[in-house]
Amino acid sequence: MADPARILDEALDLTAGERARVARALIESLDTSTDEEADALWVTEVRARLDALAAGTVELADWDAVRDRLRAKSKKP
């Protein structure tokens, strides 16, 4: 059996991208159940958002601008 502490030490020596891939794979290995209803709702939501974008009824916002607005709002009393 592999030593988890050694594996963690080796993983922490990886690049950020490699660590992200390892983390994603580990998390996916834990998530063995599927909520079919939730998956269907997400598909519906994503399609609705793509349709709204294609129709021009919404527009994309730059993440930096959104983050700055959220930070500014959180600082207000």
N, C-alpha and C. Protein backbone atom coordinates (compact mmCIF):
# COMPACT_ATOMS: atom_id res chain seq x y z
N MET A 1 0.85 -1.18 0.00
CA MET A 1 0.00 0.00 0.00
C MET A 1 0.89 1.23 0.00
N ALA A 2 0.50 2.22 -0.79
CA ALA A 2 1.26 3.47 -0.90
C ALA A 2 1.08 4.30 0.37
N ASP A 3 2.10 5.07 0.69
CA ASP A 3 2.07 5.94 1.87
C ASP A 3 1.41 7.26 1.48
N PRO A 4 0.23 7.57 2.04
CA PRO A 4 -0.47 8.81 1.68
C PRO A 4 0.36 10.07 1.92
N ALA A 5 1.14 10.11 2.99
CA ALA A 5 1.96 11.29 3.28
C ALA A 5 3.00 11.50 2.18
N ARG A 6 3.60 10.40 1.71
CA ARG A 6 4.59 10.50 0.64
C ARG A 6 3.93 10.95 -0.66
N ILE A 7 2.76 10.41 -0.93
CA ILE A 7 2.04 10.79 -2.15
C ILE A 7 1.69 12.27 -2.11
N LEU A 8 1.24 12.75 -0.96
CA LEU A 8 0.91 14.17 -0.81
C LEU A 8 2.14 15.03 -1.01
N ASP A 9 3.25 14.66 -0.40
CA ASP A 9 4.50 15.43 -0.56
C ASP A 9 4.91 15.51 -2.02
N GLU A 10 4.80 14.39 -2.73
CA GLU A 10 5.16 14.37 -4.15
C GLU A 10 4.18 15.21 -4.97
N ALA A 11 2.90 15.13 -4.62
CA ALA A 11 1.89 15.90 -5.35
C ALA A 11 2.13 17.40 -5.17
N LEU A 12 2.55 17.80 -3.99
CA LEU A 12 2.78 19.23 -3.73
C LEU A 12 3.98 19.76 -4.51
N ASP A 13 4.82 18.88 -5.01
CA ASP A 13 5.96 19.30 -5.83
C ASP A 13 5.58 19.51 -7.29
N LEU A 14 4.36 19.14 -7.66
CA LEU A 14 3.91 19.29 -9.05
C LEU A 14 3.61 20.76 -9.35
N THR A 15 3.49 21.07 -10.63
CA THR A 15 3.09 22.42 -11.02
C THR A 15 1.64 22.63 -10.64
N ALA A 16 1.20 23.87 -10.66
CA ALA A 16 -0.18 24.18 -10.31
C ALA A 16 -1.16 23.44 -11.22
N GLY A 17 -0.88 23.40 -12.50
CA GLY A 17 -1.76 22.71 -13.44
C GLY A 17 -1.82 21.22 -13.18
N GLU A 18 -0.66 20.62 -12.88
CA GLU A 18 -0.63 19.20 -12.57
C GLU A 18 -1.36 18.89 -11.27
N ARG A 19 -1.20 19.76 -10.27
CA ARG A 19 -1.91 19.57 -9.00
C ARG A 19 -3.42 19.67 -9.23
N ALA A 20 -3.84 20.60 -10.07
CA ALA A 20 -5.26 20.75 -10.36
C ALA A 20 -5.81 19.49 -11.02
N ARG A 21 -5.06 18.92 -11.94
CA ARG A 21 -5.50 17.68 -12.59
C ARG A 21 -5.62 16.55 -11.59
N VAL A 22 -4.64 16.43 -10.70
CA VAL A 22 -4.68 15.39 -9.66
C VAL A 22 -5.87 15.61 -8.73
N ALA A 23 -6.05 16.86 -8.30
CA ALA A 23 -7.16 17.18 -7.39
C ALA A 23 -8.50 16.85 -8.04
N ARG A 24 -8.65 17.24 -9.30
CA ARG A 24 -9.90 16.98 -10.03
C ARG A 24 -10.16 15.47 -10.09
N ALA A 25 -9.13 14.70 -10.42
CA ALA A 25 -9.28 13.25 -10.53
C ALA A 25 -9.64 12.63 -9.19
N LEU A 26 -9.02 13.11 -8.12
CA LEU A 26 -9.33 12.58 -6.79
C LEU A 26 -10.76 12.90 -6.39
N ILE A 27 -11.19 14.13 -6.63
CA ILE A 27 -12.57 14.51 -6.28
C ILE A 27 -13.56 13.70 -7.10
N GLU A 28 -13.29 13.55 -8.39
CA GLU A 28 -14.20 12.77 -9.24
C GLU A 28 -14.27 11.32 -8.78
N SER A 29 -13.16 10.79 -8.23
CA SER A 29 -13.16 9.41 -7.78
C SER A 29 -14.03 9.23 -6.55
N LEU A 30 -14.28 10.30 -5.80
CA LEU A 30 -15.12 10.24 -4.60
C LEU A 30 -16.59 10.40 -4.94
N ASP A 31 -16.88 11.07 -6.01
CA ASP A 31 -18.25 11.37 -6.39
C ASP A 31 -18.78 10.26 -7.29
N THR A 32 -19.26 9.19 -6.67
CA THR A 32 -19.70 8.04 -7.44
C THR A 32 -21.20 8.03 -7.70
N SER A 33 -21.94 8.91 -7.02
CA SER A 33 -23.38 8.94 -7.25
C SER A 33 -23.72 10.04 -8.24
N THR A 34 -24.79 9.83 -8.96
CA THR A 34 -25.25 10.81 -9.93
C THR A 34 -26.68 11.19 -9.61
N ASP A 35 -26.93 12.47 -9.56
CA ASP A 35 -28.28 12.97 -9.36
C ASP A 35 -28.83 13.33 -10.73
N GLU A 36 -29.55 12.40 -11.32
CA GLU A 36 -30.06 12.58 -12.69
C GLU A 36 -30.92 13.83 -12.82
N GLU A 37 -31.73 14.10 -11.81
CA GLU A 37 -32.61 15.27 -11.87
C GLU A 37 -31.79 16.55 -11.86
N ALA A 38 -30.78 16.61 -11.00
CA ALA A 38 -29.92 17.79 -10.94
C ALA A 38 -29.17 17.98 -12.25
N ASP A 39 -28.67 16.87 -12.81
CA ASP A 39 -27.98 16.96 -14.09
C ASP A 39 -28.89 17.51 -15.18
N ALA A 40 -30.12 17.04 -15.21
CA ALA A 40 -31.08 17.50 -16.22
C ALA A 40 -31.39 18.99 -16.02
N LEU A 41 -31.52 19.41 -14.77
CA LEU A 41 -31.78 20.83 -14.49
C LEU A 41 -30.61 21.70 -14.93
N TRP A 42 -29.38 21.22 -14.71
CA TRP A 42 -28.21 21.99 -15.15
C TRP A 42 -28.16 22.10 -16.67
N VAL A 43 -28.48 21.01 -17.36
CA VAL A 43 -28.49 21.05 -18.83
C VAL A 43 -29.52 22.07 -19.31
N THR A 44 -30.69 22.08 -18.69
CA THR A 44 -31.73 23.04 -19.05
C THR A 44 -31.26 24.47 -18.80
N GLU A 45 -30.64 24.69 -17.66
CA GLU A 45 -30.14 26.03 -17.31
C GLU A 45 -29.06 26.50 -18.28
N VAL A 46 -28.13 25.64 -18.59
CA VAL A 46 -27.05 26.01 -19.51
C VAL A 46 -27.61 26.33 -20.89
N ARG A 47 -28.54 25.51 -21.36
CA ARG A 47 -29.16 25.78 -22.67
C ARG A 47 -29.89 27.11 -22.68
N ALA A 48 -30.62 27.40 -21.59
CA ALA A 48 -31.35 28.67 -21.51
C ALA A 48 -30.38 29.85 -21.53
N ARG A 49 -29.28 29.71 -20.83
CA ARG A 49 -28.30 30.81 -20.82
C ARG A 49 -27.64 30.98 -22.19
N LEU A 50 -27.33 29.87 -22.85
CA LEU A 50 -26.75 29.97 -24.19
C LEU A 50 -27.74 30.57 -25.18
N ASP A 51 -29.01 30.19 -25.07
CA ASP A 51 -30.05 30.76 -25.94
C ASP A 51 -30.18 32.26 -25.71
N ALA A 52 -30.16 32.69 -24.44
CA ALA A 52 -30.27 34.12 -24.13
C ALA A 52 -29.07 34.88 -24.67
N LEU A 53 -27.92 34.29 -24.58
CA LEU A 53 -26.72 34.93 -25.12
C LEU A 53 -26.81 35.04 -26.64
N ALA A 54 -27.23 33.97 -27.29
CA ALA A 54 -27.35 33.97 -28.75
C ALA A 54 -28.41 34.96 -29.21
N ALA A 55 -29.48 35.12 -28.43
CA ALA A 55 -30.56 36.03 -28.79
C ALA A 55 -30.21 37.49 -28.51
N GLY A 56 -29.13 37.69 -27.78
CA GLY A 56 -28.71 39.05 -27.47
C GLY A 56 -29.49 39.68 -26.33
N THR A 57 -30.20 38.86 -25.56
CA THR A 57 -30.97 39.41 -24.44
C THR A 57 -30.13 39.57 -23.17
N VAL A 58 -28.95 39.01 -23.19
CA VAL A 58 -27.99 39.18 -22.10
C VAL A 58 -26.62 39.41 -22.72
N GLU A 59 -25.73 39.93 -21.93
CA GLU A 59 -24.36 40.07 -22.43
C GLU A 59 -23.39 39.58 -21.37
N LEU A 60 -22.24 39.17 -21.83
CA LEU A 60 -21.22 38.67 -20.92
C LEU A 60 -20.59 39.83 -20.16
N ALA A 61 -20.16 39.55 -18.95
CA ALA A 61 -19.47 40.55 -18.14
C ALA A 61 -18.05 40.09 -17.90
N ASP A 62 -17.14 41.02 -17.93
CA ASP A 62 -15.74 40.73 -17.66
C ASP A 62 -15.59 40.35 -16.18
N TRP A 63 -14.92 39.24 -15.91
CA TRP A 63 -14.78 38.76 -14.55
C TRP A 63 -14.11 39.80 -13.65
N ASP A 64 -13.09 40.47 -14.13
CA ASP A 64 -12.40 41.47 -13.29
C ASP A 64 -13.37 42.57 -12.85
N ALA A 65 -14.24 43.00 -13.76
CA ALA A 65 -15.21 44.05 -13.43
C ALA A 65 -16.25 43.54 -12.43
N VAL A 66 -16.72 42.31 -12.63
CA VAL A 66 -17.69 41.73 -11.70
C VAL A 66 -17.08 41.58 -10.31
N ARG A 67 -15.87 41.06 -10.27
CA ARG A 67 -15.18 40.88 -8.99
C ARG A 67 -15.02 42.21 -8.27
N ASP A 68 -14.62 43.25 -9.01
CA ASP A 68 -14.45 44.57 -8.41
C ASP A 68 -15.76 45.11 -7.85
N ARG A 69 -16.88 44.92 -8.59
CA ARG A 69 -18.19 45.36 -8.10
C ARG A 69 -18.59 44.61 -6.83
N LEU A 70 -18.34 43.30 -6.81
CA LEU A 70 -18.67 42.50 -5.62
C LEU A 70 -17.84 42.93 -4.42
N ARG A 71 -16.57 43.18 -4.65
CA ARG A 71 -15.71 43.62 -3.55
C ARG A 71 -16.16 44.98 -3.03
N ALA A 72 -16.54 45.88 -3.93
CA ALA A 72 -16.99 47.20 -3.53
C ALA A 72 -18.28 47.09 -2.71
N LYS A 73 -19.20 46.23 -3.14
CA LYS A 73 -20.46 46.05 -2.41
C LYS A 73 -20.22 45.46 -1.03
N SER A 74 -19.26 44.55 -0.92
CA SER A 74 -19.02 43.91 0.38
C SER A 74 -18.38 44.85 1.38
N LYS A 75 -17.80 45.94 0.92
CA LYS A 75 -17.16 46.90 1.81
C LYS A 75 -18.13 47.96 2.33
N LYS A 76 -19.32 48.03 1.70
CA LYS A 76 -20.30 49.02 2.13
C LYS A 76 -20.97 48.55 3.41
N PRO A 77 -21.26 49.51 4.34
CA PRO A 77 -21.92 49.12 5.60
C PRO A 77 -23.36 48.72 5.40
